[in-house]
Amino acid sequence: MLIRPIQTEKAYREEAKRCYMFVVPADASKQAVAKTVEAQYKVTVTSVRVTLRKGKAAKFSRGKHAYPGTTYRQDQKIAYVTLKDGDKIKIFNEEPVEEVKEDKKSDKKGDK
């Protein structure tokens, strides 16, 4: 089964709660998602929640003089996978950023 991690701000917030978001096939069950995540990332899954996101409406044009139409994007099945305490999946490739402070010399009229 092919699962794809979601890399959004919402997914980043959920990661603090040991919960990771994946796009899964529409016919995937919770048990199949749990087995796939455990096998692929070598972690222990404690729970899986699944939701179906309806596709958004998208406008399109049939040409300059034709009546524009509306179509819908494909529906997506999203799995929220919670891991055992201590397990992590490295989805967001963040390196610790060190802040560099530069000393700026003040140029005042009195200083020459």
Protein backbone atom coordinates (compact mmCIF):
# COMPACT_ATOMS: atom_id res chain seq x y z
CA MET A 1 0.00 0.00 0.00
CA LEU A 2 1.29 3.45 -0.89
CA ILE A 3 0.98 6.07 1.83
CA ARG A 4 2.22 9.65 1.56
CA PRO A 5 2.94 11.90 4.58
CA ILE A 6 1.36 15.34 4.64
CA GLN A 7 3.73 18.27 5.18
CA THR A 8 1.58 21.23 6.19
CA GLU A 9 1.38 23.57 9.16
CA LYS A 10 -1.50 21.55 10.61
CA ALA A 11 0.53 18.34 10.30
CA TYR A 12 3.46 20.07 12.00
CA ARG A 13 1.24 21.03 14.97
CA GLU A 14 -0.09 17.46 15.22
CA GLU A 15 3.47 16.11 15.29
CA ALA A 16 3.92 17.64 18.76
CA LYS A 17 1.13 15.29 19.95
CA ARG A 18 2.87 12.22 18.40
CA CYS A 19 0.20 12.22 15.65
CA TYR A 20 1.20 12.08 11.98
CA MET A 21 -1.00 12.66 8.93
CA PHE A 22 -0.89 10.50 5.79
CA VAL A 23 -2.79 10.41 2.50
CA VAL A 24 -3.94 6.81 2.02
CA PRO A 25 -5.88 4.97 -0.71
CA ALA A 26 -9.68 5.29 -0.53
CA ASP A 27 -10.16 1.57 0.11
CA ALA A 28 -7.55 1.32 2.91
CA SER A 29 -8.67 0.11 6.35
CA LYS A 30 -7.32 1.31 9.69
CA GLN A 31 -5.59 -2.01 10.32
CA ALA A 32 -3.89 -1.93 6.91
CA VAL A 33 -2.70 1.65 7.48
CA ALA A 34 -1.27 0.71 10.90
CA LYS A 35 0.61 -2.29 9.49
CA THR A 36 2.02 -0.25 6.61
CA VAL A 37 3.24 2.60 8.85
CA GLU A 38 4.83 0.12 11.28
CA ALA A 39 6.61 -1.71 8.46
CA GLN A 40 7.72 1.37 6.56
CA TYR A 41 8.91 3.56 9.46
CA LYS A 42 9.80 0.89 12.10
CA VAL A 43 7.57 2.43 14.83
CA THR A 44 4.70 1.21 17.03
CA VAL A 45 1.23 2.55 16.18
CA THR A 46 -1.24 3.01 19.07
CA SER A 47 -4.26 4.36 17.19
CA VAL A 48 -5.46 5.33 13.72
CA ARG A 49 -8.23 7.80 12.89
CA VAL A 50 -9.45 8.14 9.31
CA THR A 51 -11.39 10.92 7.62
CA LEU A 52 -12.52 11.59 4.07
CA ARG A 53 -11.87 15.03 2.60
CA LYS A 54 -14.26 15.99 -0.16
CA GLY A 55 -12.70 17.50 -3.28
CA LYS A 56 -13.04 21.24 -3.71
CA ALA A 57 -14.90 22.82 -6.61
CA ALA A 58 -12.60 24.17 -9.31
CA LYS A 59 -13.65 26.40 -12.22
CA PHE A 60 -12.39 25.79 -15.74
CA SER A 61 -12.88 27.40 -19.13
CA ARG A 62 -13.85 25.66 -22.36
CA GLY A 63 -12.47 28.44 -24.54
CA LYS A 64 -12.97 32.10 -25.24
CA HIS A 65 -16.66 31.99 -26.19
CA ALA A 66 -17.75 28.82 -24.44
CA TYR A 67 -19.57 28.74 -21.13
CA PRO A 68 -17.14 28.16 -18.24
CA GLY A 69 -17.76 25.08 -16.15
CA THR A 70 -17.11 23.71 -12.68
CA THR A 71 -15.47 20.43 -11.83
CA TYR A 72 -14.43 18.85 -8.56
CA ARG A 73 -11.01 17.79 -7.38
CA GLN A 74 -10.49 14.20 -6.30
CA ASP A 75 -11.57 13.16 -2.79
CA GLN A 76 -8.76 12.22 -0.38
CA LYS A 77 -8.70 9.81 2.53
CA ILE A 78 -6.54 11.13 5.39
CA ALA A 79 -5.22 8.93 8.21
CA TYR A 80 -4.17 10.39 11.57
CA VAL A 81 -1.67 7.91 13.04
CA THR A 82 -0.72 8.18 16.74
CA LEU A 83 2.55 6.57 17.79
CA LYS A 84 3.76 5.03 21.03
CA ASP A 85 5.44 7.41 23.46
CA GLY A 86 9.08 7.83 22.43
CA ASP A 87 8.67 6.89 18.74
CA LYS A 88 9.18 9.53 16.05
CA ILE A 89 8.99 9.77 12.28
CA LYS A 90 11.25 12.32 10.62
CA ILE A 91 8.96 13.97 8.09
CA PHE A 92 9.95 17.61 8.44
CA ASN A 93 13.65 17.85 7.64
CA GLU A 94 14.51 20.64 10.02
CA GLU A 95 18.04 21.38 11.05
CA PRO A 96 18.59 23.47 14.17
CA VAL A 97 19.10 27.02 13.03
CA GLU A 98 21.60 29.10 14.94
CA GLU A 99 20.83 32.78 15.07
CA VAL A 100 23.75 34.95 14.08
CA LYS A 101 23.82 38.30 15.82
CA GLU A 102 25.81 40.99 14.11
CA ASP A 103 27.11 43.98 16.00
CA LYS A 104 25.96 47.07 14.19
CA LYS A 105 27.93 50.20 14.80
CA SER A 106 25.71 53.19 15.25
CA ASP A 107 26.51 56.13 13.03
CA LYS A 108 25.61 59.26 14.92
CA LYS A 109 26.33 62.80 13.95
CA GLY A 110 28.30 63.32 17.16
CA ASP A 111 30.58 60.33 16.48
CA LYS A 112 33.45 61.01 14.07
